[in-house]
Structures are given as structure tokens and as C-alpha cells.
Amino acid sequence: MIALEGVEKRYGERSALGPLSLEIPTGRRVAIVGPSGCGKSTLLRIVLGLVSPDRGSVTVAGKPMRADAKRLIRRQIGYVVQDGGLFPHLTAEGNVALVARHLGWDDGRVHARLDDLATMTGLDREALARWPVQLSGGQRQRVGVMRALMLDPDVLLLDEPLGALDAITRTRLQGELAALFRTLNKTVILVTHDIAEAARLAEETIVMRDGLIVQRGAVDAMARAPANAFVAELLGRGAT
């Protein structure tokens, strides 16, 4: 389970998040939607330990997110960002295997895992020898997903993972990710501006505004009974 209790984050005089409390059960697929600047990505980075809250506590799989435990906890979390977020000076394979090699995995174990992940994500194995600049947007995103899954983490965090893709590629990858998530049975938190994407990839959606949670539930249920006019408008036109 992922649990945030009384979490707040400020940047100067501006409140970026909270105060809010949130629990996400193990194995649950959750999307977070809302307008730009509502705190979606800040929440995700706090869960990952990249940003420390000013107040409140964060727990991942029963472990408090403290300074002395962040490195260990992060190894249980896969993180996917827009366009893959690949290091340009490493090949696709180098990007995917970077942390595993740092942890001392031998070549046999690395290559076996790469083969499994390439099959899992539908990536041509030959593409792993290319540099990121030589890959298409869809390939870079698949490599980003492979890198996040390399250590077989318990949790996947995705921050606008398909936002930079064209509509056709995005739709295809949405379907592939939805099938992958169902197969893996991992805890998934997806940040997106796209209501349809949230409905397709997640079991539950959290609507945020001004750093706070406004409503959570299935998209169709919230559309039938929105908490307020903001949620009704957001679900009616899609997040922007």
C-alpha cells in the first residue's frame, strides 16, 4: 500500500500540494487528472522521494519514506516520464540495464531480463542497440517502460508517459499498456491530462484541483454524479 498522511508542499508563498491524505491499495491502478499546476506531478514525485513534503508522512509498502530509506524504496518503484526520459549518451540497452549493472547483475541475467522485457513491451530486440535519437517516439516510450520494469518493482509511477506521442501511436500504446498492467498486477499511479486515457488504463481516477483531491472513483461513476461543477466540466470536456 502507498499512504500519504497530512502531506503538504509549498514553494515560497505558493501551496503546491495539500494538505491531503491518500491511500492506494497494493495492486490498484490509479490515474490522477486535473488542470496544469494542480499538483499531480508533485504528488507523484513525493511518492517517489524526489521531493520531500514540508509536512506529513509518506509510506510505501509499509516503509516510511525517510532520507535513510529513500534509495532502497526507489528500487521498488519504476518511474516512466514523457518520451521515455532516456539518457542520450547511452544506447537503449544501456538505458534499460543501467541500474541493474550498477547493482552487479551479470551479463546472462541482464540479457535474459532484456529479452523478457522486449517481448513484454513489443519492442524489436534490435532496437536496443540504437541510440535514443535513432528511435521513434513509440520506441523510446517502450524503452522507458522497460527501464522502469527492469528490477521488477512493486510500484509503477507514470508521469504523462504518452503525452508527446501522435494520436495513432498514443492509442496503440494505451492498449498495450492496459494489457501489460493487467498481466503484471502491480500498483500503478498514472498522471495524465487525458480523461479517456485515465479511464482506459486505470481502475480508479483521482481528480485534483489547487493541490487538493476533489473526487475519486471510476470515471463513468464520477461523470454521473460529479462532486461539483469543476468535476462536471472536467469530465465533460477532458482535462487540459
C-alpha atoms as a PDB file:
ATOM      1  CA  MET A   1       0.000   0.000   0.000  1.00  0.00           C
ATOM      2  CA  ILE A   2       1.010   3.586  -0.661  1.00  0.00           C
ATOM      3  CA  ALA A   3      -0.143   6.017   2.023  1.00  0.00           C
ATOM      4  CA  LEU A   4       0.159   9.784   2.312  1.00  0.00           C
ATOM      5  CA  GLU A   5      -0.968  11.317   5.590  1.00  0.00           C
ATOM      6  CA  GLY A   6      -1.412  15.084   6.010  1.00  0.00           C
ATOM      7  CA  VAL A   7       1.053  15.816   3.204  1.00  0.00           C
ATOM      8  CA  GLU A   8       1.749  19.448   2.294  1.00  0.00           C
ATOM      9  CA  LYS A   9       4.254  21.048  -0.077  1.00  0.00           C
ATOM     10  CA  ARG A  10       4.884  24.751  -0.590  1.00  0.00           C
ATOM     11  CA  TYR A  11       7.241  26.683  -2.851  1.00  0.00           C
ATOM     12  CA  GLY A  12       7.692  30.048  -1.228  1.00  0.00           C
ATOM     13  CA  GLU A  13       4.245  31.551  -0.700  1.00  0.00           C
ATOM     14  CA  ARG A  14       2.605  29.176  -3.180  1.00  0.00           C
ATOM     15  CA  SER A  15       0.936  25.998  -1.997  1.00  0.00           C
ATOM     16  CA  ALA A  16       1.736  23.230  -4.487  1.00  0.00           C
ATOM     17  CA  LEU A  17       0.043  20.357  -2.688  1.00  0.00           C
ATOM     18  CA  GLY A  18      -2.252  19.625   0.214  1.00  0.00           C
ATOM     19  CA  PRO A  19      -2.875  19.224   2.911  1.00  0.00           C
ATOM     20  CA  LEU A  20      -4.077  15.837   1.700  1.00  0.00           C
ATOM     21  CA  SER A  21      -4.243  12.226   2.772  1.00  0.00           C
ATOM     22  CA  LEU A  22      -4.421   9.355   0.309  1.00  0.00           C
ATOM     23  CA  GLU A  23      -4.227   5.565   0.362  1.00  0.00           C
ATOM     24  CA  ILE A  24      -3.693   3.379  -2.704  1.00  0.00           C
ATOM     25  CA  PRO A  25      -4.040  -0.365  -2.055  1.00  0.00           C
ATOM     26  CA  THR A  26      -1.449  -2.812  -3.335  1.00  0.00           C
ATOM     27  CA  GLY A  27      -2.144  -3.867  -6.923  1.00  0.00           C
ATOM     28  CA  ARG A  28      -4.505  -0.958  -7.627  1.00  0.00           C
ATOM     29  CA  ARG A  29      -4.255   1.013 -10.882  1.00  0.00           C
ATOM     30  CA  VAL A  30      -4.994   4.690 -10.243  1.00  0.00           C
ATOM     31  CA  ALA A  31      -4.937   7.705 -12.563  1.00  0.00           C
ATOM     32  CA  ILE A  32      -4.550  11.309 -11.396  1.00  0.00           C
ATOM     33  CA  VAL A  33      -6.105  14.014 -13.564  1.00  0.00           C
ATOM     34  CA  GLY A  34      -6.600  17.743 -13.306  1.00  0.00           C
ATOM     35  CA  PRO A  35      -5.511  21.022 -14.909  1.00  0.00           C
ATOM     36  CA  SER A  36      -1.879  22.070 -15.215  1.00  0.00           C
ATOM     37  CA  GLY A  37      -0.412  23.175 -11.886  1.00  0.00           C
ATOM     38  CA  CYS A  38      -2.927  21.272  -9.762  1.00  0.00           C
ATOM     39  CA  GLY A  39      -0.242  19.196  -8.005  1.00  0.00           C
ATOM     40  CA  LYS A  40      -0.396  15.931  -9.965  1.00  0.00           C
ATOM     41  CA  SER A  41       3.303  15.629 -10.730  1.00  0.00           C
ATOM     42  CA  THR A  42       4.298  16.984  -7.312  1.00  0.00           C
ATOM     43  CA  LEU A  43       2.298  14.207  -5.684  1.00  0.00           C
ATOM     44  CA  LEU A  44       3.995  11.604  -7.880  1.00  0.00           C
ATOM     45  CA  ARG A  45       7.473  12.932  -7.092  1.00  0.00           C
ATOM     46  CA  ILE A  46       6.710  12.903  -3.379  1.00  0.00           C
ATOM     47  CA  VAL A  47       5.704   9.239  -3.605  1.00  0.00           C
ATOM     48  CA  LEU A  48       8.998   8.536  -5.424  1.00  0.00           C
ATOM     49  CA  GLY A  49      11.006  10.510  -2.876  1.00  0.00           C
ATOM     50  CA  LEU A  50      12.318  13.048  -5.388  1.00  0.00           C
ATOM     51  CA  VAL A  51      10.507  15.803  -3.490  1.00  0.00           C
ATOM     52  CA  SER A  52      10.183  15.924   0.289  1.00  0.00           C
ATOM     53  CA  PRO A  53       6.917  17.196   1.791  1.00  0.00           C
ATOM     54  CA  ASP A  54       7.037  20.126   4.196  1.00  0.00           C
ATOM     55  CA  ARG A  55       4.559  18.337   6.448  1.00  0.00           C
ATOM     56  CA  GLY A  56       3.050  14.890   6.663  1.00  0.00           C
ATOM     57  CA  SER A  57       4.295  11.366   6.063  1.00  0.00           C
ATOM     58  CA  VAL A  58       4.672   9.029   3.089  1.00  0.00           C
ATOM     59  CA  THR A  59       4.750   5.241   3.357  1.00  0.00           C
ATOM     60  CA  VAL A  60       5.436   2.785   0.534  1.00  0.00           C
ATOM     61  CA  ALA A  61       4.877  -0.934   1.170  1.00  0.00           C
ATOM     62  CA  GLY A  62       4.982  -0.323   4.903  1.00  0.00           C
ATOM     63  CA  LYS A  63       8.268   1.587   4.765  1.00  0.00           C
ATOM     64  CA  PRO A  64       8.324   5.278   5.758  1.00  0.00           C
ATOM     65  CA  MET A  65       9.887   7.499   3.091  1.00  0.00           C
ATOM     66  CA  ARG A  66      12.767   8.805   5.196  1.00  0.00           C
ATOM     67  CA  ALA A  67      16.096  10.124   3.956  1.00  0.00           C
ATOM     68  CA  ASP A  68      17.951   6.982   5.055  1.00  0.00           C
ATOM     69  CA  ALA A  69      15.467   4.675   3.299  1.00  0.00           C
ATOM     70  CA  LYS A  70      14.808   6.509   0.015  1.00  0.00           C
ATOM     71  CA  ARG A  71      17.372   4.645  -2.067  1.00  0.00           C
ATOM     72  CA  LEU A  72      16.062   1.230  -1.034  1.00  0.00           C
ATOM     73  CA  ILE A  73      12.428   2.236  -1.540  1.00  0.00           C
ATOM     74  CA  ARG A  74      13.132   3.650  -5.010  1.00  0.00           C
ATOM     75  CA  ARG A  75      14.378   0.245  -6.135  1.00  0.00           C
ATOM     76  CA  GLN A  76      10.829  -0.991  -5.542  1.00  0.00           C
ATOM     77  CA  ILE A  77       9.425   1.745  -7.787  1.00  0.00           C
ATOM     78  CA  GLY A  78       9.585   2.059 -11.576  1.00  0.00           C
ATOM     79  CA  TYR A  79       9.307   5.600 -12.947  1.00  0.00           C
ATOM     80  CA  VAL A  80       8.249   6.471 -16.510  1.00  0.00           C
ATOM     81  CA  VAL A  81       8.240  10.019 -17.870  1.00  0.00           C
ATOM     82  CA  GLN A  82       7.170  11.644 -21.123  1.00  0.00           C
ATOM     83  CA  ASP A  83       9.082  10.470 -24.222  1.00  0.00           C
ATOM     84  CA  GLY A  84      10.943   7.887 -22.124  1.00  0.00           C
ATOM     85  CA  GLY A  85      13.380  10.334 -20.495  1.00  0.00           C
ATOM     86  CA  LEU A  86      16.331   8.392 -21.893  1.00  0.00           C
ATOM     87  CA  PHE A  87      19.988   9.326 -21.458  1.00  0.00           C
ATOM     88  CA  PRO A  88      21.180  10.371 -24.936  1.00  0.00           C
ATOM     89  CA  HIS A  89      24.755   9.130 -24.412  1.00  0.00           C
ATOM     90  CA  LEU A  90      23.608   5.551 -23.767  1.00  0.00           C
ATOM     91  CA  THR A  91      22.088   3.064 -26.176  1.00  0.00           C
ATOM     92  CA  ALA A  92      18.571   1.858 -25.495  1.00  0.00           C
ATOM     93  CA  GLU A  93      20.029  -1.265 -23.896  1.00  0.00           C
ATOM     94  CA  GLY A  94      22.398   0.849 -21.827  1.00  0.00           C
ATOM     95  CA  ASN A  95      19.471   2.899 -20.553  1.00  0.00           C
ATOM     96  CA  VAL A  96      17.397  -0.133 -19.606  1.00  0.00           C
ATOM     97  CA  ALA A  97      20.223  -2.035 -17.915  1.00  0.00           C
ATOM     98  CA  LEU A  98      21.925   0.917 -16.212  1.00  0.00           C
ATOM     99  CA  VAL A  99      20.762   0.334 -12.633  1.00  0.00           C
ATOM    100  CA  ALA A 100      20.894  -3.467 -12.903  1.00  0.00           C
ATOM    101  CA  ARG A 101      24.546  -3.311 -13.954  1.00  0.00           C
ATOM    102  CA  HIS A 102      25.241  -0.822 -11.168  1.00  0.00           C
ATOM    103  CA  LEU A 103      23.802  -3.375  -8.742  1.00  0.00           C
ATOM    104  CA  GLY A 104      26.151  -6.043 -10.068  1.00  0.00           C
ATOM    105  CA  TRP A 105      23.893  -8.143 -12.291  1.00  0.00           C
ATOM    106  CA  ASP A 106      25.939 -10.426 -14.557  1.00  0.00           C
ATOM    107  CA  ASP A 107      25.586 -10.345 -18.342  1.00  0.00           C
ATOM    108  CA  GLY A 108      23.492 -13.502 -18.526  1.00  0.00           C
ATOM    109  CA  ARG A 109      20.927 -12.197 -16.071  1.00  0.00           C
ATOM    110  CA  VAL A 110      20.821  -8.787 -17.768  1.00  0.00           C
ATOM    111  CA  HIS A 111      20.324 -10.204 -21.252  1.00  0.00           C
ATOM    112  CA  ALA A 112      17.672 -12.675 -20.113  1.00  0.00           C
ATOM    113  CA  ARG A 113      15.726  -9.856 -18.497  1.00  0.00           C
ATOM    114  CA  LEU A 114      16.136  -7.661 -21.586  1.00  0.00           C
ATOM    115  CA  ASP A 115      14.739 -10.446 -23.775  1.00  0.00           C
ATOM    116  CA  ASP A 116      11.724 -10.852 -21.468  1.00  0.00           C
ATOM    117  CA  LEU A 117      11.031  -7.117 -21.357  1.00  0.00           C
ATOM    118  CA  ALA A 118      11.407  -6.638 -25.110  1.00  0.00           C
ATOM    119  CA  THR A 119       8.818  -9.359 -25.658  1.00  0.00           C
ATOM    120  CA  MET A 120       6.588  -7.934 -22.940  1.00  0.00           C
ATOM    121  CA  THR A 121       6.598  -4.398 -24.386  1.00  0.00           C
ATOM    122  CA  GLY A 122       6.564  -5.373 -28.045  1.00  0.00           C
ATOM    123  CA  LEU A 123       9.945  -3.789 -28.818  1.00  0.00           C
ATOM    124  CA  ASP A 124      12.101  -5.150 -31.616  1.00  0.00           C
ATOM    125  CA  ARG A 125      15.167  -6.591 -29.849  1.00  0.00           C
ATOM    126  CA  GLU A 126      17.418  -4.985 -32.481  1.00  0.00           C
ATOM    127  CA  ALA A 127      16.199  -1.529 -31.418  1.00  0.00           C
ATOM    128  CA  LEU A 128      18.037  -1.909 -28.120  1.00  0.00           C
ATOM    129  CA  ALA A 129      21.345  -1.408 -29.920  1.00  0.00           C
ATOM    130  CA  ARG A 130      20.298   2.045 -31.170  1.00  0.00           C
ATOM    131  CA  TRP A 131      20.800   5.462 -29.607  1.00  0.00           C
ATOM    132  CA  PRO A 132      17.685   7.274 -28.352  1.00  0.00           C
ATOM    133  CA  VAL A 133      17.855   9.770 -31.232  1.00  0.00           C
ATOM    134  CA  GLN A 134      17.563   6.844 -33.666  1.00  0.00           C
ATOM    135  CA  LEU A 135      14.320   5.579 -32.112  1.00  0.00           C
ATOM    136  CA  SER A 136      10.758   6.602 -32.882  1.00  0.00           C
ATOM    137  CA  GLY A 137       8.642   8.185 -30.159  1.00  0.00           C
ATOM    138  CA  GLY A 138       6.814   4.918 -29.568  1.00  0.00           C
ATOM    139  CA  GLN A 139      10.083   3.000 -29.329  1.00  0.00           C
ATOM    140  CA  ARG A 140      11.541   5.487 -26.855  1.00  0.00           C
ATOM    141  CA  GLN A 141       8.451   5.129 -24.697  1.00  0.00           C
ATOM    142  CA  ARG A 142       8.694   1.335 -24.777  1.00  0.00           C
ATOM    143  CA  VAL A 143      12.348   1.589 -23.743  1.00  0.00           C
ATOM    144  CA  GLY A 144      11.296   3.881 -20.890  1.00  0.00           C
ATOM    145  CA  VAL A 145       8.770   1.293 -19.724  1.00  0.00           C
ATOM    146  CA  MET A 146      11.396  -1.455 -19.983  1.00  0.00           C
ATOM    147  CA  ARG A 147      13.805   0.576 -17.865  1.00  0.00           C
ATOM    148  CA  ALA A 148      11.106   1.099 -15.225  1.00  0.00           C
ATOM    149  CA  LEU A 149      10.380  -2.636 -15.133  1.00  0.00           C
ATOM    150  CA  MET A 150      13.997  -3.883 -15.223  1.00  0.00           C
ATOM    151  CA  LEU A 151      14.252  -4.573 -11.481  1.00  0.00           C
ATOM    152  CA  ASP A 152      10.686  -5.959 -11.348  1.00  0.00           C
ATOM    153  CA  PRO A 153       9.442  -3.229  -8.976  1.00  0.00           C
ATOM    154  CA  ASP A 154       6.253  -3.473  -6.948  1.00  0.00           C
ATOM    155  CA  VAL A 155       5.083   0.002  -7.973  1.00  0.00           C
ATOM    156  CA  LEU A 156       4.968   1.844 -11.305  1.00  0.00           C
ATOM    157  CA  LEU A 157       4.702   5.634 -11.468  1.00  0.00           C
ATOM    158  CA  LEU A 158       3.974   7.191 -14.865  1.00  0.00           C
ATOM    159  CA  ASP A 159       4.061  10.959 -15.410  1.00  0.00           C
ATOM    160  CA  GLU A 160       2.324  11.866 -18.697  1.00  0.00           C
ATOM    161  CA  PRO A 161       4.028   8.880 -20.357  1.00  0.00           C
ATOM    162  CA  LEU A 162       2.231   9.187 -23.700  1.00  0.00           C
ATOM    163  CA  GLY A 163       1.779  12.942 -23.878  1.00  0.00           C
ATOM    164  CA  ALA A 164       4.444  13.548 -26.539  1.00  0.00           C
ATOM    165  CA  LEU A 165       3.173  10.905 -28.974  1.00  0.00           C
ATOM    166  CA  ASP A 166       0.983  11.329 -32.035  1.00  0.00           C
ATOM    167  CA  ALA A 167      -2.650  10.250 -31.688  1.00  0.00           C
ATOM    168  CA  ILE A 168      -2.297   6.936 -33.548  1.00  0.00           C
ATOM    169  CA  THR A 169       0.794   5.817 -31.620  1.00  0.00           C
ATOM    170  CA  ARG A 170      -0.715   7.000 -28.353  1.00  0.00           C
ATOM    171  CA  THR A 171      -3.906   4.984 -28.874  1.00  0.00           C
ATOM    172  CA  ARG A 172      -1.924   1.859 -29.767  1.00  0.00           C
ATOM    173  CA  LEU A 173       0.345   2.193 -26.730  1.00  0.00           C
ATOM    174  CA  GLN A 174      -2.616   2.811 -24.443  1.00  0.00           C
ATOM    175  CA  GLY A 175      -3.984  -0.572 -25.443  1.00  0.00           C
ATOM    176  CA  GLU A 176      -0.607  -2.249 -24.974  1.00  0.00           C
ATOM    177  CA  LEU A 177      -0.083  -0.644 -21.565  1.00  0.00           C
ATOM    178  CA  ALA A 178      -3.580  -1.588 -20.421  1.00  0.00           C
ATOM    179  CA  ALA A 179      -2.902  -5.238 -21.280  1.00  0.00           C
ATOM    180  CA  LEU A 180       0.548  -5.082 -19.677  1.00  0.00           C
ATOM    181  CA  PHE A 181      -0.800  -3.604 -16.440  1.00  0.00           C
ATOM    182  CA  ARG A 182      -3.427  -6.333 -16.156  1.00  0.00           C
ATOM    183  CA  THR A 183      -0.757  -9.007 -16.675  1.00  0.00           C
ATOM    184  CA  LEU A 184       1.770  -7.555 -14.217  1.00  0.00           C
ATOM    185  CA  ASN A 185      -0.700  -6.909 -11.390  1.00  0.00           C
ATOM    186  CA  LYS A 186       1.447  -4.108  -9.943  1.00  0.00           C
ATOM    187  CA  THR A 187       0.438  -0.935  -8.132  1.00  0.00           C
ATOM    188  CA  VAL A 188       0.243   1.770 -10.826  1.00  0.00           C
ATOM    189  CA  ILE A 189      -0.144   5.535 -10.451  1.00  0.00           C
ATOM    190  CA  LEU A 190      -0.604   7.354 -13.750  1.00  0.00           C
ATOM    191  CA  VAL A 191      -0.580  11.141 -14.140  1.00  0.00           C
ATOM    192  CA  THR A 192      -2.377  12.284 -17.283  1.00  0.00           C
ATOM    193  CA  HIS A 193      -4.301  15.186 -18.787  1.00  0.00           C
ATOM    194  CA  ASP A 194      -6.432  12.781 -20.815  1.00  0.00           C
ATOM    195  CA  ILE A 195      -9.680  11.584 -19.197  1.00  0.00           C
ATOM    196  CA  ALA A 196     -10.125   8.857 -21.814  1.00  0.00           C
ATOM    197  CA  GLU A 197      -6.604   7.609 -21.120  1.00  0.00           C
ATOM    198  CA  ALA A 198      -7.334   7.541 -17.388  1.00  0.00           C
ATOM    199  CA  ALA A 199     -10.497   5.524 -17.966  1.00  0.00           C
ATOM    200  CA  ARG A 200      -8.678   3.074 -20.226  1.00  0.00           C
ATOM    201  CA  LEU A 201      -5.587   2.469 -18.106  1.00  0.00           C
ATOM    202  CA  ALA A 202      -6.830   2.791 -14.524  1.00  0.00           C
ATOM    203  CA  GLU A 203      -9.447   1.185 -12.322  1.00  0.00           C
ATOM    204  CA  GLU A 204      -9.924   4.407 -10.392  1.00  0.00           C
ATOM    205  CA  THR A 205      -9.329   8.089 -11.119  1.00  0.00           C
ATOM    206  CA  ILE A 206      -8.453  10.909  -8.727  1.00  0.00           C
ATOM    207  CA  VAL A 207      -9.441  14.434  -9.743  1.00  0.00           C
ATOM    208  CA  MET A 208      -7.234  17.211  -8.355  1.00  0.00           C
ATOM    209  CA  ARG A 209      -7.528  20.985  -8.227  1.00  0.00           C
ATOM    210  CA  ASP A 210      -5.315  23.545  -6.483  1.00  0.00           C
ATOM    211  CA  GLY A 211      -3.251  20.849  -4.776  1.00  0.00           C
ATOM    212  CA  LEU A 212      -6.249  19.042  -3.301  1.00  0.00           C
ATOM    213  CA  ILE A 213      -8.234  15.913  -4.116  1.00  0.00           C
ATOM    214  CA  VAL A 214     -11.698  16.929  -5.267  1.00  0.00           C
ATOM    215  CA  GLN A 215     -13.156  13.498  -6.051  1.00  0.00           C
ATOM    216  CA  ARG A 216     -12.060   9.915  -6.700  1.00  0.00           C
ATOM    217  CA  GLY A 217     -13.751   6.927  -8.279  1.00  0.00           C
ATOM    218  CA  ALA A 218     -14.443   5.344 -11.639  1.00  0.00           C
ATOM    219  CA  VAL A 219     -14.661   7.918 -14.436  1.00  0.00           C
ATOM    220  CA  ASP A 220     -18.157   6.891 -15.514  1.00  0.00           C
ATOM    221  CA  ALA A 221     -19.438   6.996 -11.915  1.00  0.00           C
ATOM    222  CA  MET A 222     -17.990  10.478 -11.344  1.00  0.00           C
ATOM    223  CA  ALA A 223     -19.455  11.664 -14.640  1.00  0.00           C
ATOM    224  CA  ARG A 224     -22.895  10.542 -13.460  1.00  0.00           C
ATOM    225  CA  ALA A 225     -22.503  12.124 -10.021  1.00  0.00           C
ATOM    226  CA  PRO A 226     -19.779  14.826 -10.076  1.00  0.00           C
ATOM    227  CA  ALA A 227     -18.818  16.336  -6.740  1.00  0.00           C
ATOM    228  CA  ASN A 228     -19.108  19.883  -8.095  1.00  0.00           C
ATOM    229  CA  ALA A 229     -19.247  21.971 -11.250  1.00  0.00           C
ATOM    230  CA  PHE A 230     -15.480  21.773 -11.713  1.00  0.00           C
ATOM    231  CA  VAL A 231     -15.515  17.960 -11.890  1.00  0.00           C
ATOM    232  CA  ALA A 232     -18.544  18.023 -14.184  1.00  0.00           C
ATOM    233  CA  GLU A 233     -16.796  20.402 -16.584  1.00  0.00           C
ATOM    234  CA  LEU A 234     -13.502  18.488 -16.426  1.00  0.00           C
ATOM    235  CA  LEU A 235     -15.092  15.134 -17.185  1.00  0.00           C
ATOM    236  CA  GLY A 236     -17.342  16.687 -19.783  1.00  0.00           C
ATOM    237  CA  ARG A 237     -14.584  18.204 -21.900  1.00  0.00           C
ATOM    238  CA  GLY A 238     -11.491  16.214 -20.816  1.00  0.00           C
ATOM    239  CA  ALA A 239      -8.625  17.545 -18.746  1.00  0.00           C
ATOM    240  CA  THR A 240      -6.473  20.302 -20.260  1.00  0.00           C
END
